[in-house]
Amino acid sequence: MTGDPRERTEQEWRALLQPQEFMVLRQAGTEHPGTGALLNEKRVGKYYCRGCEQFLFASDAKFDSGCGWPSFFEAAEGAVIELEDRSLGRVRTEIRCARCDSHLGHVFPDAPQTPTGLRYCMNSVALVFEEE
């Protein structure tokens, strides 16, 4: 497997990831709402990219948005990139890992109860949680 995750082949990604992880991270899929293992995670820790282990979110930025996916109001500095997504016939902002270009979820400006007003709605299978 190549050292730079951006240079991994599809075959290398398939060997590294479980089928649902591959569908989300490499094909921009979405896990079903309310099914993610990290949805109700409340321990103190950090969330990393499943594709390359880059630090993405701190647990103190996680909140219960009621959307069915783990939600955060802030990403780690420089950890994610935003792309315009028109796949559902409307404009959304897709979130990808800045290191390996894996799809993580979407961000929405609809969380006035948070310090940033943002809701990073992430797929559990795209994240790895490590308790502190």
N, C-alpha and C. Protein backbone atom coordinates (compact mmCIF):
# COMPACT_ATOMS: atom_id res chain seq x y z
N MET A 1 0.85 -1.18 0.00
CA MET A 1 0.00 0.00 0.00
C MET A 1 0.89 1.24 0.00
N THR A 2 0.51 2.23 -0.75
CA THR A 2 1.32 3.43 -0.86
C THR A 2 1.30 4.21 0.44
N GLY A 3 2.36 5.02 0.68
CA GLY A 3 2.45 5.82 1.89
C GLY A 3 1.49 6.99 1.92
N ASP A 4 1.29 7.64 0.78
CA ASP A 4 0.39 8.78 0.70
C ASP A 4 -1.02 8.26 0.42
N PRO A 5 -1.97 8.48 1.35
CA PRO A 5 -3.31 7.93 1.14
C PRO A 5 -4.01 8.46 -0.10
N ARG A 6 -3.61 9.63 -0.61
CA ARG A 6 -4.21 10.17 -1.83
C ARG A 6 -3.79 9.37 -3.05
N GLU A 7 -2.73 8.56 -2.93
CA GLU A 7 -2.24 7.76 -4.05
C GLU A 7 -2.69 6.31 -4.00
N ARG A 8 -3.50 5.96 -3.01
CA ARG A 8 -3.98 4.57 -2.91
C ARG A 8 -4.88 4.25 -4.10
N THR A 9 -4.76 3.04 -4.56
CA THR A 9 -5.63 2.57 -5.65
C THR A 9 -6.97 2.15 -5.06
N GLU A 10 -7.94 1.98 -5.93
CA GLU A 10 -9.25 1.49 -5.46
C GLU A 10 -9.09 0.14 -4.78
N GLN A 11 -8.24 -0.72 -5.32
CA GLN A 11 -8.00 -2.05 -4.74
C GLN A 11 -7.41 -1.91 -3.33
N GLU A 12 -6.49 -0.98 -3.14
CA GLU A 12 -5.90 -0.77 -1.81
C GLU A 12 -6.95 -0.25 -0.82
N TRP A 13 -7.81 0.67 -1.28
CA TRP A 13 -8.87 1.18 -0.41
C TRP A 13 -9.82 0.04 -0.03
N ARG A 14 -10.19 -0.79 -0.99
CA ARG A 14 -11.11 -1.91 -0.70
C ARG A 14 -10.51 -2.89 0.30
N ALA A 15 -9.20 -3.09 0.24
CA ALA A 15 -8.53 -3.99 1.19
C ALA A 15 -8.47 -3.39 2.59
N LEU A 16 -8.43 -2.08 2.67
CA LEU A 16 -8.32 -1.37 3.94
C LEU A 16 -9.66 -1.21 4.65
N LEU A 17 -10.73 -1.02 3.89
CA LEU A 17 -12.02 -0.66 4.44
C LEU A 17 -13.05 -1.78 4.35
N GLN A 18 -13.99 -1.79 5.29
CA GLN A 18 -15.15 -2.67 5.21
C GLN A 18 -16.06 -2.13 4.10
N PRO A 19 -16.96 -2.96 3.55
CA PRO A 19 -17.80 -2.51 2.44
C PRO A 19 -18.58 -1.21 2.71
N GLN A 20 -19.20 -1.08 3.89
CA GLN A 20 -19.95 0.16 4.17
C GLN A 20 -19.00 1.35 4.31
N GLU A 21 -17.83 1.13 4.89
CA GLU A 21 -16.84 2.21 4.99
C GLU A 21 -16.41 2.66 3.60
N PHE A 22 -16.17 1.72 2.71
CA PHE A 22 -15.77 2.05 1.33
C PHE A 22 -16.88 2.85 0.64
N MET A 23 -18.13 2.41 0.81
CA MET A 23 -19.26 3.10 0.19
C MET A 23 -19.34 4.54 0.66
N VAL A 24 -19.10 4.80 1.93
CA VAL A 24 -19.19 6.17 2.45
C VAL A 24 -17.93 6.96 2.09
N LEU A 25 -16.77 6.47 2.48
CA LEU A 25 -15.54 7.25 2.32
C LEU A 25 -15.11 7.43 0.87
N ARG A 26 -15.26 6.43 0.05
CA ARG A 26 -14.72 6.50 -1.32
C ARG A 26 -15.80 6.75 -2.38
N GLN A 27 -17.09 6.49 -2.05
CA GLN A 27 -18.15 6.68 -3.03
C GLN A 27 -19.16 7.73 -2.59
N ALA A 28 -18.84 8.47 -1.52
CA ALA A 28 -19.69 9.55 -1.01
C ALA A 28 -21.08 9.08 -0.63
N GLY A 29 -21.16 7.86 -0.10
CA GLY A 29 -22.44 7.34 0.38
C GLY A 29 -22.77 7.88 1.76
N THR A 30 -23.89 7.42 2.29
CA THR A 30 -24.35 7.84 3.61
C THR A 30 -24.90 6.65 4.36
N GLU A 31 -24.52 6.53 5.62
CA GLU A 31 -25.12 5.48 6.45
C GLU A 31 -26.55 5.91 6.82
N HIS A 32 -27.38 4.95 7.14
CA HIS A 32 -28.76 5.26 7.50
C HIS A 32 -28.80 6.06 8.80
N PRO A 33 -29.68 7.07 8.89
CA PRO A 33 -29.76 7.88 10.11
C PRO A 33 -30.10 7.01 11.32
N GLY A 34 -29.49 7.36 12.44
CA GLY A 34 -29.75 6.67 13.69
C GLY A 34 -29.05 5.34 13.86
N THR A 35 -28.24 4.92 12.89
CA THR A 35 -27.60 3.61 12.95
C THR A 35 -26.12 3.65 13.31
N GLY A 36 -25.51 4.81 13.27
CA GLY A 36 -24.06 4.91 13.47
C GLY A 36 -23.62 4.63 14.89
N ALA A 37 -22.54 3.91 15.03
CA ALA A 37 -22.01 3.52 16.34
C ALA A 37 -21.58 4.72 17.18
N LEU A 38 -21.25 5.84 16.55
CA LEU A 38 -20.75 7.00 17.30
C LEU A 38 -21.81 8.07 17.54
N LEU A 39 -23.03 7.81 17.12
CA LEU A 39 -24.10 8.80 17.28
C LEU A 39 -24.26 9.23 18.73
N ASN A 40 -24.30 8.29 19.65
CA ASN A 40 -24.54 8.60 21.06
C ASN A 40 -23.27 8.56 21.91
N GLU A 41 -22.11 8.62 21.27
CA GLU A 41 -20.83 8.62 21.99
C GLU A 41 -20.71 9.92 22.79
N LYS A 42 -20.49 9.79 24.11
CA LYS A 42 -20.42 10.96 24.98
C LYS A 42 -19.11 11.07 25.76
N ARG A 43 -18.22 10.10 25.58
CA ARG A 43 -16.94 10.16 26.30
C ARG A 43 -16.05 11.27 25.76
N VAL A 44 -15.12 11.70 26.58
CA VAL A 44 -14.14 12.71 26.17
C VAL A 44 -13.10 12.03 25.30
N GLY A 45 -12.80 12.62 24.17
CA GLY A 45 -11.81 12.05 23.27
C GLY A 45 -11.72 12.81 21.98
N LYS A 46 -11.17 12.14 20.98
CA LYS A 46 -10.97 12.75 19.67
C LYS A 46 -11.48 11.82 18.58
N TYR A 47 -11.90 12.43 17.48
CA TYR A 47 -12.41 11.71 16.32
C TYR A 47 -11.42 11.87 15.18
N TYR A 48 -11.07 10.74 14.58
CA TYR A 48 -10.08 10.70 13.51
C TYR A 48 -10.71 10.15 12.24
N CYS A 49 -10.09 10.43 11.10
CA CYS A 49 -10.53 9.91 9.82
C CYS A 49 -10.26 8.41 9.75
N ARG A 50 -11.25 7.64 9.36
CA ARG A 50 -11.11 6.19 9.20
C ARG A 50 -10.15 5.86 8.06
N GLY A 51 -10.04 6.74 7.08
CA GLY A 51 -9.19 6.47 5.92
C GLY A 51 -7.72 6.72 6.14
N CYS A 52 -7.37 7.68 7.03
CA CYS A 52 -5.95 8.02 7.17
C CYS A 52 -5.53 8.42 8.59
N GLU A 53 -6.45 8.36 9.53
CA GLU A 53 -6.17 8.64 10.94
C GLU A 53 -5.86 10.11 11.24
N GLN A 54 -6.22 11.01 10.35
CA GLN A 54 -6.03 12.44 10.65
C GLN A 54 -7.05 12.88 11.69
N PHE A 55 -6.60 13.70 12.65
CA PHE A 55 -7.49 14.26 13.67
C PHE A 55 -8.48 15.21 12.99
N LEU A 56 -9.79 15.00 13.27
CA LEU A 56 -10.84 15.79 12.63
C LEU A 56 -11.66 16.64 13.61
N PHE A 57 -12.10 16.03 14.71
CA PHE A 57 -13.01 16.69 15.64
C PHE A 57 -12.66 16.34 17.09
N ALA A 58 -12.85 17.30 17.97
CA ALA A 58 -12.72 17.07 19.41
C ALA A 58 -14.10 16.80 19.98
N SER A 59 -14.15 15.99 21.04
CA SER A 59 -15.45 15.65 21.63
C SER A 59 -16.17 16.86 22.19
N ASP A 60 -15.43 17.90 22.60
CA ASP A 60 -16.12 19.08 23.13
C ASP A 60 -16.80 19.92 22.05
N ALA A 61 -16.62 19.55 20.78
CA ALA A 61 -17.33 20.21 19.67
C ALA A 61 -18.52 19.38 19.21
N LYS A 62 -18.77 18.24 19.87
CA LYS A 62 -19.88 17.36 19.48
C LYS A 62 -21.14 17.81 20.21
N PHE A 63 -22.27 17.73 19.53
CA PHE A 63 -23.54 18.05 20.16
C PHE A 63 -24.65 17.20 19.54
N ASP A 64 -25.77 17.10 20.25
CA ASP A 64 -26.90 16.32 19.76
C ASP A 64 -27.79 17.23 18.93
N SER A 65 -27.70 17.09 17.62
CA SER A 65 -28.49 17.94 16.73
C SER A 65 -29.84 17.32 16.40
N GLY A 66 -30.01 16.04 16.75
CA GLY A 66 -31.26 15.36 16.45
C GLY A 66 -31.39 14.92 15.01
N CYS A 67 -30.31 14.98 14.23
CA CYS A 67 -30.39 14.66 12.80
C CYS A 67 -30.18 13.18 12.49
N GLY A 68 -29.68 12.41 13.47
CA GLY A 68 -29.46 10.98 13.24
C GLY A 68 -28.04 10.61 12.91
N TRP A 69 -27.14 11.58 12.86
CA TRP A 69 -25.73 11.35 12.61
C TRP A 69 -24.92 12.12 13.66
N PRO A 70 -23.70 11.69 13.97
CA PRO A 70 -22.87 12.46 14.89
C PRO A 70 -22.68 13.88 14.33
N SER A 71 -22.88 14.87 15.20
CA SER A 71 -22.80 16.26 14.76
C SER A 71 -21.77 17.04 15.58
N PHE A 72 -21.07 17.91 14.91
CA PHE A 72 -20.04 18.74 15.52
C PHE A 72 -20.23 20.17 15.06
N PHE A 73 -19.84 21.14 15.88
CA PHE A 73 -19.98 22.54 15.46
C PHE A 73 -18.68 23.12 14.94
N GLU A 74 -17.59 22.34 15.00
CA GLU A 74 -16.30 22.85 14.55
C GLU A 74 -15.37 21.69 14.24
N ALA A 75 -14.64 21.81 13.13
CA ALA A 75 -13.63 20.82 12.76
C ALA A 75 -12.26 21.32 13.20
N ALA A 76 -11.32 20.40 13.35
CA ALA A 76 -9.94 20.79 13.66
C ALA A 76 -9.40 21.65 12.52
N GLU A 77 -8.58 22.60 12.86
CA GLU A 77 -8.05 23.54 11.86
C GLU A 77 -7.29 22.80 10.76
N GLY A 78 -7.68 23.06 9.52
CA GLY A 78 -7.02 22.48 8.35
C GLY A 78 -7.32 21.01 8.10
N ALA A 79 -8.22 20.41 8.88
CA ALA A 79 -8.47 18.97 8.78
C ALA A 79 -9.43 18.58 7.67
N VAL A 80 -10.31 19.49 7.28
CA VAL A 80 -11.32 19.15 6.28
C VAL A 80 -11.32 20.16 5.14
N ILE A 81 -11.87 19.70 4.02
CA ILE A 81 -12.09 20.60 2.89
C ILE A 81 -13.58 20.58 2.57
N GLU A 82 -14.06 21.68 2.02
CA GLU A 82 -15.46 21.81 1.66
C GLU A 82 -15.60 21.83 0.14
N LEU A 83 -16.60 21.10 -0.34
CA LEU A 83 -16.88 21.06 -1.78
C LEU A 83 -18.37 21.27 -2.01
N GLU A 84 -18.72 21.93 -3.08
CA GLU A 84 -20.12 22.09 -3.43
C GLU A 84 -20.68 20.75 -3.89
N ASP A 85 -21.84 20.38 -3.36
CA ASP A 85 -22.49 19.11 -3.69
C ASP A 85 -23.90 19.41 -4.20
N ARG A 86 -24.18 19.05 -5.45
CA ARG A 86 -25.51 19.25 -6.04
C ARG A 86 -26.17 17.90 -6.34
N SER A 87 -25.72 16.84 -5.69
CA SER A 87 -26.18 15.49 -6.02
C SER A 87 -27.66 15.24 -5.74
N LEU A 88 -28.28 15.99 -4.86
CA LEU A 88 -29.70 15.80 -4.54
C LEU A 88 -30.58 16.87 -5.18
N GLY A 89 -30.03 17.59 -6.15
CA GLY A 89 -30.79 18.62 -6.83
C GLY A 89 -30.86 19.94 -6.08
N ARG A 90 -30.08 20.05 -5.03
CA ARG A 90 -29.96 21.30 -4.28
C ARG A 90 -28.52 21.44 -3.85
N VAL A 91 -28.13 22.63 -3.47
CA VAL A 91 -26.73 22.87 -3.10
C VAL A 91 -26.52 22.53 -1.63
N ARG A 92 -25.54 21.68 -1.38
CA ARG A 92 -25.09 21.36 -0.03
C ARG A 92 -23.57 21.51 -0.01
N THR A 93 -23.00 21.49 1.19
CA THR A 93 -21.55 21.56 1.32
C THR A 93 -21.04 20.23 1.83
N GLU A 94 -20.33 19.52 0.96
CA GLU A 94 -19.73 18.24 1.32
C GLU A 94 -18.45 18.48 2.11
N ILE A 95 -18.19 17.60 3.08
CA ILE A 95 -16.97 17.65 3.88
C ILE A 95 -16.13 16.43 3.56
N ARG A 96 -14.86 16.68 3.21
CA ARG A 96 -13.90 15.61 2.93
C ARG A 96 -12.68 15.80 3.80
N CYS A 97 -11.99 14.72 4.06
CA CYS A 97 -10.73 14.77 4.80
C CYS A 97 -9.69 15.49 3.94
N ALA A 98 -9.00 16.44 4.53
CA ALA A 98 -8.00 17.21 3.78
C ALA A 98 -6.77 16.36 3.45
N ARG A 99 -6.52 15.30 4.19
CA ARG A 99 -5.34 14.47 3.95
C ARG A 99 -5.58 13.39 2.90
N CYS A 100 -6.71 12.67 3.00
CA CYS A 100 -6.91 11.52 2.09
C CYS A 100 -8.09 11.67 1.14
N ASP A 101 -8.78 12.80 1.20
CA ASP A 101 -9.89 13.11 0.31
C ASP A 101 -11.07 12.16 0.49
N SER A 102 -11.22 11.57 1.67
CA SER A 102 -12.37 10.70 1.93
C SER A 102 -13.59 11.52 2.28
N HIS A 103 -14.74 11.09 1.80
CA HIS A 103 -16.02 11.72 2.13
C HIS A 103 -16.34 11.43 3.59
N LEU A 104 -16.71 12.48 4.33
CA LEU A 104 -17.06 12.34 5.74
C LEU A 104 -18.53 12.62 6.00
N GLY A 105 -19.09 13.58 5.28
CA GLY A 105 -20.48 13.99 5.49
C GLY A 105 -20.71 15.36 4.87
N HIS A 106 -21.57 16.16 5.52
CA HIS A 106 -21.91 17.50 5.04
C HIS A 106 -21.95 18.47 6.21
N VAL A 107 -21.82 19.74 5.91
CA VAL A 107 -21.96 20.79 6.93
C VAL A 107 -23.11 21.70 6.53
N PHE A 108 -23.89 22.10 7.54
CA PHE A 108 -25.06 22.94 7.32
C PHE A 108 -25.00 24.14 8.28
N PRO A 109 -25.43 25.30 7.81
CA PRO A 109 -25.41 26.50 8.66
C PRO A 109 -26.73 26.66 9.42
N ASP A 110 -27.18 25.58 10.08
CA ASP A 110 -28.51 25.60 10.71
C ASP A 110 -28.48 25.22 12.19
N ALA A 111 -27.43 25.60 12.87
CA ALA A 111 -27.31 25.24 14.29
C ALA A 111 -27.08 26.49 15.14
N PRO A 112 -28.11 27.33 15.27
CA PRO A 112 -27.92 28.59 16.02
C PRO A 112 -27.58 28.37 17.49
N GLN A 113 -27.82 27.15 18.00
CA GLN A 113 -27.53 26.86 19.40
C GLN A 113 -26.03 26.60 19.65
N THR A 114 -25.23 26.59 18.59
CA THR A 114 -23.79 26.32 18.74
C THR A 114 -23.00 27.62 18.60
N PRO A 115 -21.75 27.62 19.09
CA PRO A 115 -20.92 28.82 18.98
C PRO A 115 -20.64 29.26 17.54
N THR A 116 -20.64 28.32 16.59
CA THR A 116 -20.32 28.65 15.20
C THR A 116 -21.56 28.74 14.32
N GLY A 117 -22.69 28.22 14.79
CA GLY A 117 -23.89 28.17 13.96
C GLY A 117 -23.87 27.04 12.95
N LEU A 118 -22.82 26.21 13.00
CA LEU A 118 -22.65 25.14 12.01
C LEU A 118 -23.00 23.77 12.60
N ARG A 119 -23.41 22.87 11.70
CA ARG A 119 -23.67 21.47 12.06
C ARG A 119 -22.93 20.59 11.06
N TYR A 120 -21.78 20.08 11.48
CA TYR A 120 -21.04 19.11 10.69
C TYR A 120 -21.70 17.76 10.94
N CYS A 121 -22.44 17.27 9.98
CA CYS A 121 -23.21 16.04 10.09
C CYS A 121 -22.37 14.93 9.46
N MET A 122 -21.74 14.08 10.31
CA MET A 122 -20.75 13.12 9.85
C MET A 122 -21.26 11.68 9.91
N ASN A 123 -20.74 10.84 9.07
CA ASN A 123 -21.03 9.42 9.09
C ASN A 123 -20.13 8.73 10.13
N SER A 124 -20.73 7.94 11.01
CA SER A 124 -19.94 7.22 12.03
C SER A 124 -18.86 6.35 11.41
N VAL A 125 -19.18 5.67 10.30
CA VAL A 125 -18.21 4.76 9.69
C VAL A 125 -17.01 5.49 9.10
N ALA A 126 -17.11 6.81 8.95
CA ALA A 126 -16.00 7.60 8.42
C ALA A 126 -15.05 8.04 9.53
N LEU A 127 -15.45 7.78 10.78
CA LEU A 127 -14.69 8.26 11.93
C LEU A 127 -14.20 7.12 12.81
N VAL A 128 -13.09 7.40 13.49
CA VAL A 128 -12.56 6.50 14.53
C VAL A 128 -12.49 7.34 15.80
N PHE A 129 -13.07 6.84 16.89
CA PHE A 129 -13.05 7.58 18.14
C PHE A 129 -11.99 6.99 19.07
N GLU A 130 -11.23 7.88 19.70
CA GLU A 130 -10.25 7.47 20.72
C GLU A 130 -10.52 8.24 21.99
N GLU A 131 -10.79 7.51 23.05
CA GLU A 131 -11.07 8.12 24.34
C GLU A 131 -9.78 8.68 24.94
N GLU A 132 -9.90 9.82 25.61
CA GLU A 132 -8.72 10.41 26.27
C GLU A 132 -8.62 9.92 27.70
